[in-house]
């Protein structure tokens, strides 16, 4: 039953905006007011 509920919900999910930036966040790049800032 949980599997079927998850399948149903999956149809309503959407792709994240700027999903390519998630890699940069994982790498530790800082973002301030939407702008990338490298650590000094």
PDB file of N, CA and C in Angstrom:
ATOM      1  N   UNK A   1       0.823  -1.196   0.000  1.00  0.00           N
ATOM      2  CA  UNK A   1       0.000   0.000   0.000  1.00  0.00           C
ATOM      3  C   UNK A   1       0.867   1.260   0.000  1.00  0.00           C
ATOM      4  N   UNK A   2       1.919   1.280   0.797  1.00  0.00           N
ATOM      5  CA  UNK A   2       2.816   2.436   0.837  1.00  0.00           C
ATOM      6  C   UNK A   2       3.468   2.635  -0.526  1.00  0.00           C
ATOM      7  N   UNK A   3       3.845   1.538  -1.165  1.00  0.00           N
ATOM      8  CA  UNK A   3       4.460   1.608  -2.493  1.00  0.00           C
ATOM      9  C   UNK A   3       3.518   2.267  -3.490  1.00  0.00           C
ATOM     10  N   UNK A   4       2.260   1.883  -3.472  1.00  0.00           N
ATOM     11  CA  UNK A   4       1.272   2.456  -4.396  1.00  0.00           C
ATOM     12  C   UNK A   4       1.059   3.946  -4.105  1.00  0.00           C
ATOM     13  N   UNK A   5       1.040   4.329  -2.833  1.00  0.00           N
ATOM     14  CA  UNK A   5       0.900   5.745  -2.474  1.00  0.00           C
ATOM     15  C   UNK A   5       2.098   6.554  -2.979  1.00  0.00           C
ATOM     16  N   UNK A   6       3.289   5.990  -2.846  1.00  0.00           N
ATOM     17  CA  UNK A   6       4.492   6.666  -3.333  1.00  0.00           C
ATOM     18  C   UNK A   6       4.452   6.819  -4.848  1.00  0.00           C
ATOM     19  N   UNK A   7       3.997   5.777  -5.536  1.00  0.00           N
ATOM     20  CA  UNK A   7       3.877   5.867  -6.997  1.00  0.00           C
ATOM     21  C   UNK A   7       2.902   6.959  -7.402  1.00  0.00           C
ATOM     22  N   UNK A   8       1.809   7.074  -6.698  1.00  0.00           N
ATOM     23  CA  UNK A   8       0.809   8.100  -7.008  1.00  0.00           C
ATOM     24  C   UNK A   8       1.381   9.496  -6.772  1.00  0.00           C
ATOM     25  N   UNK A   9       2.080   9.683  -5.665  1.00  0.00           N
ATOM     26  CA  UNK A   9       2.669  10.986  -5.342  1.00  0.00           C
ATOM     27  C   UNK A   9       3.748  11.372  -6.339  1.00  0.00           C
ATOM     28  N   UNK A  10       4.473  10.387  -6.862  1.00  0.00           N
ATOM     29  CA  UNK A  10       5.555  10.630  -7.806  1.00  0.00           C
ATOM     30  C   UNK A  10       5.077  11.394  -9.035  1.00  0.00           C
ATOM     31  N   UNK A  11       3.860  11.204  -9.432  1.00  0.00           N
ATOM     32  CA  UNK A  11       3.315  11.890 -10.592  1.00  0.00           C
ATOM     33  C   UNK A  11       3.132  13.383 -10.386  1.00  0.00           C
ATOM     34  N   UNK A  12       3.158  13.829  -9.141  1.00  0.00           N
ATOM     35  CA  UNK A  12       2.953  15.246  -8.839  1.00  0.00           C
ATOM     36  C   UNK A  12       4.256  15.977  -8.507  1.00  0.00           C
ATOM     37  N   UNK A  13       5.350  15.244  -8.417  1.00  0.00           N
ATOM     38  CA  UNK A  13       6.628  15.860  -8.098  1.00  0.00           C
ATOM     39  C   UNK A  13       7.133  16.620  -9.309  1.00  0.00           C
ATOM     40  N   UNK A  14       7.951  17.629  -9.054  1.00  0.00           N
ATOM     41  CA  UNK A  14       8.543  18.388 -10.149  1.00  0.00           C
ATOM     42  C   UNK A  14      10.048  18.468  -9.971  1.00  0.00           C
ATOM     43  N   UNK A  15      10.737  18.743 -11.038  1.00  0.00           N
ATOM     44  CA  UNK A  15      12.179  18.875 -10.995  1.00  0.00           C
ATOM     45  C   UNK A  15      12.549  20.131 -10.212  1.00  0.00           C
ATOM     46  N   UNK A  16      13.627  20.063  -9.441  1.00  0.00           N
ATOM     47  CA  UNK A  16      14.094  21.224  -8.690  1.00  0.00           C
ATOM     48  C   UNK A  16      14.637  22.281  -9.639  1.00  0.00           C
ATOM     49  N   UNK A  17      14.392  23.528  -9.334  1.00  0.00           N
ATOM     50  CA  UNK A  17      14.987  24.621 -10.093  1.00  0.00           C
ATOM     51  C   UNK A  17      16.489  24.660  -9.813  1.00  0.00           C
ATOM     52  N   UNK A  18      17.280  24.853 -10.846  1.00  0.00           N
ATOM     53  CA  UNK A  18      18.744  24.945 -10.739  1.00  0.00           C
ATOM     54  C   UNK A  18      19.336  23.706 -10.077  1.00  0.00           C
ATOM     55  N   UNK A  19      18.840  22.543 -10.440  1.00  0.00           N
ATOM     56  CA  UNK A  19      19.315  21.303  -9.818  1.00  0.00           C
ATOM     57  C   UNK A  19      20.807  21.071 -10.051  1.00  0.00           C
ATOM     58  N   UNK A  20      21.386  21.675 -11.088  1.00  0.00           N
ATOM     59  CA  UNK A  20      22.814  21.502 -11.345  1.00  0.00           C
ATOM     60  C   UNK A  20      23.669  22.176 -10.266  1.00  0.00           C
ATOM     61  N   UNK A  21      23.088  23.102  -9.480  1.00  0.00           N
ATOM     62  CA  UNK A  21      23.837  23.784  -8.421  1.00  0.00           C
ATOM     63  C   UNK A  21      23.942  22.947  -7.146  1.00  0.00           C
ATOM     64  N   UNK A  22      23.168  21.873  -7.052  1.00  0.00           N
ATOM     65  CA  UNK A  22      23.217  21.016  -5.866  1.00  0.00           C
ATOM     66  C   UNK A  22      24.620  20.436  -5.698  1.00  0.00           C
ATOM     67  N   UNK A  23      25.287  20.112  -6.804  1.00  0.00           N
ATOM     68  CA  UNK A  23      26.654  19.586  -6.745  1.00  0.00           C
ATOM     69  C   UNK A  23      27.576  20.601  -6.080  1.00  0.00           C
ATOM     70  N   UNK A  24      27.425  21.873  -6.425  1.00  0.00           N
ATOM     71  CA  UNK A  24      28.268  22.921  -5.840  1.00  0.00           C
ATOM     72  C   UNK A  24      28.020  23.054  -4.341  1.00  0.00           C
ATOM     73  N   UNK A  25      26.779  22.919  -3.919  1.00  0.00           N
ATOM     74  CA  UNK A  25      26.458  22.992  -2.494  1.00  0.00           C
ATOM     75  C   UNK A  25      27.123  21.838  -1.757  1.00  0.00           C
ATOM     76  N   UNK A  26      27.075  20.647  -2.341  1.00  0.00           N
ATOM     77  CA  UNK A  26      27.713  19.476  -1.729  1.00  0.00           C
ATOM     78  C   UNK A  26      29.223  19.679  -1.645  1.00  0.00           C
ATOM     79  N   UNK A  27      29.792  20.338  -2.656  1.00  0.00           N
ATOM     80  CA  UNK A  27      31.233  20.600  -2.658  1.00  0.00           C
ATOM     81  C   UNK A  27      31.627  21.667  -1.641  1.00  0.00           C
ATOM     82  N   UNK A  28      30.657  22.394  -1.097  1.00  0.00           N
ATOM     83  CA  UNK A  28      30.957  23.381  -0.059  1.00  0.00           C
ATOM     84  C   UNK A  28      31.000  24.815  -0.542  1.00  0.00           C
ATOM     85  N   UNK A  29      30.569  25.076  -1.774  1.00  0.00           N
ATOM     86  CA  UNK A  29      30.543  26.454  -2.279  1.00  0.00           C
ATOM     87  C   UNK A  29      29.474  27.227  -1.507  1.00  0.00           C
ATOM     88  N   UNK A  30      29.835  28.429  -1.057  1.00  0.00           N
ATOM     89  CA  UNK A  30      28.917  29.273  -0.306  1.00  0.00           C
ATOM     90  C   UNK A  30      28.092  30.136  -1.272  1.00  0.00           C
ATOM     91  N   UNK A  31      26.823  30.326  -0.954  1.00  0.00           N
ATOM     92  CA  UNK A  31      25.951  31.203  -1.721  1.00  0.00           C
ATOM     93  C   UNK A  31      25.447  32.298  -0.791  1.00  0.00           C
ATOM     94  N   UNK A  32      25.602  33.560  -1.206  1.00  0.00           N
ATOM     95  CA  UNK A  32      25.112  34.702  -0.431  1.00  0.00           C
ATOM     96  C   UNK A  32      24.198  35.502  -1.337  1.00  0.00           C
ATOM     97  N   UNK A  33      22.947  35.639  -0.948  1.00  0.00           N
ATOM     98  CA  UNK A  33      21.955  36.359  -1.748  1.00  0.00           C
ATOM     99  C   UNK A  33      21.879  35.829  -3.171  1.00  0.00           C
ATOM    100  N   UNK A  34      22.020  34.517  -3.316  1.00  0.00           N
ATOM    101  CA  UNK A  34      21.901  33.887  -4.624  1.00  0.00           C
ATOM    102  C   UNK A  34      23.161  33.935  -5.468  1.00  0.00           C
ATOM    103  N   UNK A  35      24.232  34.537  -4.964  1.00  0.00           N
ATOM    104  CA  UNK A  35      25.497  34.640  -5.691  1.00  0.00           C
ATOM    105  C   UNK A  35      26.501  33.666  -5.100  1.00  0.00           C
ATOM    106  N   UNK A  36      27.295  33.000  -5.980  1.00  0.00           N
ATOM    107  CA  UNK A  36      28.311  32.083  -5.506  1.00  0.00           C
ATOM    108  C   UNK A  36      29.484  32.854  -4.929  1.00  0.00           C
ATOM    109  N   UNK A  37      29.966  32.403  -3.775  1.00  0.00           N
ATOM    110  CA  UNK A  37      31.150  32.997  -3.142  1.00  0.00           C
ATOM    111  C   UNK A  37      32.077  31.878  -2.736  1.00  0.00           C
ATOM    112  N   UNK A  38      33.316  31.943  -3.228  1.00  0.00           N
ATOM    113  CA  UNK A  38      34.316  30.949  -2.862  1.00  0.00           C
ATOM    114  C   UNK A  38      34.877  31.313  -1.496  1.00  0.00           C
ATOM    115  N   UNK A  39      35.197  30.284  -0.699  1.00  0.00           N
ATOM    116  CA  UNK A  39      35.791  30.519   0.613  1.00  0.00           C
ATOM    117  C   UNK A  39      37.168  31.151   0.426  1.00  0.00           C
ATOM    118  N   UNK A  40      37.484  32.078   1.281  1.00  0.00           N
ATOM    119  CA  UNK A  40      38.769  32.788   1.169  1.00  0.00           C
ATOM    120  C   UNK A  40      39.920  31.971   1.684  1.00  0.00           C
TER     121      UNK A  40
END
